[in-house]
Amino acid sequence: MQSNPLSFLDASYEYLTRRTGAFSTHYGMTVSGFIKTKFALEDRPDIQILFFAILANDTNALAIFDKSFGLTNEAVLSLQEISKEHDVVLIVPVLSRPNSRGKILLRSADPSDYPKIYASYLTSTKDVDTMLEGIYATVGIMETDVMKRRDAKRRKLFVNACEGLDFDTKSYWECMLRNIGGSTFHAVGTCKMGPNSDPEAVVDPKLKVHGVKGIRVADASIMPLIVGTPTYATTIMIGEKAADMIKMDWHNNDSLH
């Protein structure tokens, strides 16, 4: 909402009296979808597309967006200029099943030391190619009759590193991807579930740590492969399943006595 003292009161009144306005929907992101690019190896989508809305002159939303996605200062200033007089919709492709693999390492023998985290984003050529297909899909959305009827126009964010490249070319979009691309922070797999014979496996199918008694891991880190959607619901399922297995183990132990 626009950043003036009465904006929240106005929005509240509009919703209470007419059930319309900013409070009548999930403000910020109301639409999401999935597509399958030509690089998909399975019969499942490999790109998720998110739609983020910023109302004209909404400095609060811009600040939240900046903090969440870690945009460069020049990109934020450019977005701020664009949103001064117009509502903005950011159509953002997300790589559902990245091929690139990062790693996490111990910094020292001191458990209080922060670990070394190497994200290794876009180290796979396939990831770059798939993301470019996702970007092209967003361009296609903007060229639909629906968008044209609403007089929606694409605007160019200023990113100095990419200014010397022709807009809308493959090299331009790859430059933008590498300079302002970000993460949805859905990391998984650091405590992979698998059999004892797998040297990379940390926990067994009951989520017990191999070779260590009395410890289970029940979070997104046990996923051998990342799911194709945000990890929240799957992580809740893992926790629920872990609770059931723990209760079952206690019940069986009680039955033996």
Foldseek 3Di string as FASTA:
>chain_A
DAPDPCPVVVQVVCCVVPVDDQVVAPAFWGDKDFDQDPLDPDPGGFKIKTKTKDAANRVVVLVVVCVQQVFDPQQSVQVNVVRNPGIDIDIAIDGQFDPFDWAWAQPDPDPVDDIDTGRRPPVDVSSLVVRVVVVVVVVVVCVDPVNVVVVDDDDDGDDPVLVVDDPPDSVSVSSCCVRRNGDNPQDEACQAEDDPVDPSHQAYPLQHGPPDPDDGDQARHHHNGGGRDRCVVVSVVSVVSNVVSVVVVVVVVVVVD
